[in-house]
């Protein structure tokens, strides 16, 4: 599935499968503008559209190559932060 053309439902299903397969928890998903500002999110954060989430693998801070490969196979972008992995779809 090409993330550039992914719907919100497809993104949710992909993240759900990723979390089940790789034993991850979603710690942040859709955010209101107020909450996004409170947590220091970017003004154009994909969290505001529900097309981003933050996850923590059960193996944190160890991250498996299989998990990173899952992102790449599904053309999903990710940033490895200090406390989580930010997962998102690049906006058009």
C-alpha atoms as a PDB file:
ATOM      1  CA  UNK A   1       0.000   0.000   0.000  1.00  0.00           C
ATOM      2  CA  UNK A   2       1.398   3.390  -0.949  1.00  0.00           C
ATOM      3  CA  UNK A   3       1.109   5.763   2.013  1.00  0.00           C
ATOM      4  CA  UNK A   4       0.891   8.758  -0.334  1.00  0.00           C
ATOM      5  CA  UNK A   5      -2.625   7.600  -1.231  1.00  0.00           C
ATOM      6  CA  UNK A   6      -3.567   6.132   2.149  1.00  0.00           C
ATOM      7  CA  UNK A   7      -6.915   7.039   3.670  1.00  0.00           C
ATOM      8  CA  UNK A   8      -7.383   7.611   7.393  1.00  0.00           C
ATOM      9  CA  UNK A   9      -9.006   4.165   7.687  1.00  0.00           C
ATOM     10  CA  UNK A  10      -6.107   2.526   5.860  1.00  0.00           C
ATOM     11  CA  UNK A  11      -3.584   4.338   8.071  1.00  0.00           C
ATOM     12  CA  UNK A  12      -5.437   3.199  11.200  1.00  0.00           C
ATOM     13  CA  UNK A  13      -5.584  -0.403   9.949  1.00  0.00           C
ATOM     14  CA  UNK A  14      -1.879  -0.354   9.062  1.00  0.00           C
ATOM     15  CA  UNK A  15      -0.908   0.993  12.490  1.00  0.00           C
ATOM     16  CA  UNK A  16      -3.180  -1.553  14.209  1.00  0.00           C
ATOM     17  CA  UNK A  17      -1.542  -4.418  12.304  1.00  0.00           C
ATOM     18  CA  UNK A  18       1.925  -3.005  12.946  1.00  0.00           C
ATOM     19  CA  UNK A  19       1.250  -2.784  16.686  1.00  0.00           C
ATOM     20  CA  UNK A  20      -0.163  -6.303  16.854  1.00  0.00           C
ATOM     21  CA  UNK A  21       2.683  -7.795  14.830  1.00  0.00           C
ATOM     22  CA  UNK A  22       5.519  -5.958  16.567  1.00  0.00           C
ATOM     23  CA  UNK A  23       4.045  -5.577  20.066  1.00  0.00           C
ATOM     24  CA  UNK A  24       3.768  -1.775  20.130  1.00  0.00           C
ATOM     25  CA  UNK A  25       1.472   0.624  21.952  1.00  0.00           C
ATOM     26  CA  UNK A  26       0.092   3.863  20.519  1.00  0.00           C
ATOM     27  CA  UNK A  27       0.705   6.673  22.991  1.00  0.00           C
ATOM     28  CA  UNK A  28      -0.646   9.555  20.908  1.00  0.00           C
ATOM     29  CA  UNK A  29      -2.883   9.652  17.860  1.00  0.00           C
ATOM     30  CA  UNK A  30      -5.381  12.284  16.782  1.00  0.00           C
ATOM     31  CA  UNK A  31      -4.911  15.597  18.631  1.00  0.00           C
ATOM     32  CA  UNK A  32      -6.981  18.729  18.935  1.00  0.00           C
ATOM     33  CA  UNK A  33      -5.202  21.991  18.121  1.00  0.00           C
ATOM     34  CA  UNK A  34      -5.244  22.900  21.814  1.00  0.00           C
ATOM     35  CA  UNK A  35      -3.638  19.631  22.904  1.00  0.00           C
ATOM     36  CA  UNK A  36      -1.155  19.759  20.029  1.00  0.00           C
ATOM     37  CA  UNK A  37      -0.039  23.211  21.200  1.00  0.00           C
ATOM     38  CA  UNK A  38       0.164  21.972  24.812  1.00  0.00           C
ATOM     39  CA  UNK A  39       2.512  19.110  23.891  1.00  0.00           C
ATOM     40  CA  UNK A  40       4.627  21.322  21.623  1.00  0.00           C
ATOM     41  CA  UNK A  41       3.465  19.774  18.357  1.00  0.00           C
ATOM     42  CA  UNK A  42       4.129  21.385  14.993  1.00  0.00           C
ATOM     43  CA  UNK A  43       1.427  23.803  13.822  1.00  0.00           C
ATOM     44  CA  UNK A  44       0.844  21.586  10.747  1.00  0.00           C
ATOM     45  CA  UNK A  45       1.220  18.283  12.601  1.00  0.00           C
ATOM     46  CA  UNK A  46      -0.268  15.232  10.929  1.00  0.00           C
ATOM     47  CA  UNK A  47      -1.684  14.414  14.392  1.00  0.00           C
ATOM     48  CA  UNK A  48      -4.278  17.110  13.679  1.00  0.00           C
ATOM     49  CA  UNK A  49      -5.663  15.069  10.784  1.00  0.00           C
ATOM     50  CA  UNK A  50      -5.230  11.688  12.466  1.00  0.00           C
ATOM     51  CA  UNK A  51      -2.546  10.699   9.970  1.00  0.00           C
ATOM     52  CA  UNK A  52       0.219  10.416  12.568  1.00  0.00           C
ATOM     53  CA  UNK A  53       0.743   8.587  15.819  1.00  0.00           C
ATOM     54  CA  UNK A  54       3.433   7.981  18.384  1.00  0.00           C
ATOM     55  CA  UNK A  55       4.244   4.402  19.292  1.00  0.00           C
ATOM     56  CA  UNK A  56       6.417   2.590  21.804  1.00  0.00           C
ATOM     57  CA  UNK A  57       7.538  -0.971  21.133  1.00  0.00           C
ATOM     58  CA  UNK A  58       7.473  -3.332  24.116  1.00  0.00           C
ATOM     59  CA  UNK A  59      11.213  -3.762  23.520  1.00  0.00           C
ATOM     60  CA  UNK A  60      11.882  -0.016  23.891  1.00  0.00           C
ATOM     61  CA  UNK A  61      14.488   1.348  23.589  1.00  0.00           C
ATOM     62  CA  UNK A  62      15.585  -1.573  21.384  1.00  0.00           C
ATOM     63  CA  UNK A  63      13.957  -1.298  17.959  1.00  0.00           C
ATOM     64  CA  UNK A  64      13.908  -4.324  15.712  1.00  0.00           C
ATOM     65  CA  UNK A  65      14.894  -4.191  12.078  1.00  0.00           C
ATOM     66  CA  UNK A  66      11.626  -5.999  11.316  1.00  0.00           C
ATOM     67  CA  UNK A  67       9.662  -3.055  12.740  1.00  0.00           C
ATOM     68  CA  UNK A  68      11.595  -0.540  10.641  1.00  0.00           C
ATOM     69  CA  UNK A  69      11.160  -2.745   7.569  1.00  0.00           C
ATOM     70  CA  UNK A  70       7.378  -2.765   8.196  1.00  0.00           C
ATOM     71  CA  UNK A  71       7.371   1.045   7.949  1.00  0.00           C
ATOM     72  CA  UNK A  72       9.397   1.002   4.741  1.00  0.00           C
ATOM     73  CA  UNK A  73       7.291  -1.706   3.078  1.00  0.00           C
ATOM     74  CA  UNK A  74       4.152   0.361   3.712  1.00  0.00           C
ATOM     75  CA  UNK A  75       5.844   3.627   2.675  1.00  0.00           C
ATOM     76  CA  UNK A  76       5.182   5.132   6.100  1.00  0.00           C
ATOM     77  CA  UNK A  77       7.545   7.772   7.440  1.00  0.00           C
ATOM     78  CA  UNK A  78       8.973   7.595  10.946  1.00  0.00           C
ATOM     79  CA  UNK A  79      11.192   9.557  13.301  1.00  0.00           C
ATOM     80  CA  UNK A  80      12.891   7.843  16.209  1.00  0.00           C
ATOM     81  CA  UNK A  81      12.584  10.205  19.174  1.00  0.00           C
ATOM     82  CA  UNK A  82      14.002   9.838  22.715  1.00  0.00           C
ATOM     83  CA  UNK A  83      10.780   8.432  24.186  1.00  0.00           C
ATOM     84  CA  UNK A  84       8.836   7.077  21.197  1.00  0.00           C
ATOM     85  CA  UNK A  85       8.680   6.570  17.456  1.00  0.00           C
ATOM     86  CA  UNK A  86       6.686   9.194  15.563  1.00  0.00           C
ATOM     87  CA  UNK A  87       4.889   7.500  12.659  1.00  0.00           C
ATOM     88  CA  UNK A  88       3.194   9.543   9.936  1.00  0.00           C
ATOM     89  CA  UNK A  89       2.123   9.853   6.347  1.00  0.00           C
ATOM     90  CA  UNK A  90       3.779  12.667   4.455  1.00  0.00           C
ATOM     91  CA  UNK A  91       1.177  15.230   3.422  1.00  0.00           C
ATOM     92  CA  UNK A  92       0.541  15.794  -0.252  1.00  0.00           C
END
